[in-house]
Protein backbone atom coordinates (compact mmCIF):
# COMPACT_ATOMS: atom_id res chain seq x y z
CA ALA A 1 152.42 231.47 -215.08
CA GLN A 2 151.32 231.16 -218.71
CA LEU A 3 148.48 228.66 -218.18
CA THR A 4 147.21 231.12 -215.50
CA LYS A 5 147.13 233.86 -218.23
CA ILE A 6 145.39 231.37 -220.46
CA LYS A 7 142.98 230.54 -218.23
CA ALA A 8 142.14 234.35 -217.25
CA SER A 9 141.77 235.32 -221.08
CA GLU A 10 138.60 232.69 -221.22
CA ALA A 11 139.99 231.30 -224.44
CA GLN A 12 138.25 228.67 -226.21
CA ALA A 13 141.22 226.57 -227.32
CA VAL A 14 144.82 225.83 -226.76
CA VAL A 15 147.11 224.52 -229.42
CA ASN A 16 149.95 222.56 -227.54
CA TRP A 17 152.58 221.88 -230.35
CA SER A 18 154.72 219.49 -228.78
CA ILE A 19 156.60 216.16 -229.38
CA VAL A 20 158.18 215.75 -226.22
CA PRO A 21 156.54 214.15 -222.85
CA GLY A 22 156.16 217.54 -221.33
CA GLN A 23 153.01 217.97 -223.76
CA VAL A 24 151.04 215.55 -221.42
CA ILE A 25 151.99 217.97 -218.06
CA VAL A 26 150.50 220.96 -220.04
CA ALA A 27 147.18 218.86 -220.83
CA LYS A 28 146.90 217.73 -217.16
CA ASN A 29 147.55 221.37 -215.74
CA MET A 30 144.98 222.73 -218.04
CA ARG A 31 142.41 220.65 -216.46
CA GLN A 32 143.23 221.50 -212.93
């Protein structure tokens, strides 16, 4: 849900501050 809102906002950058393996999932979902 949050990624959908970010994509709709036409953001130029997203900062993903995380040290857990979940950060990889965020990066993959952003590309889709």
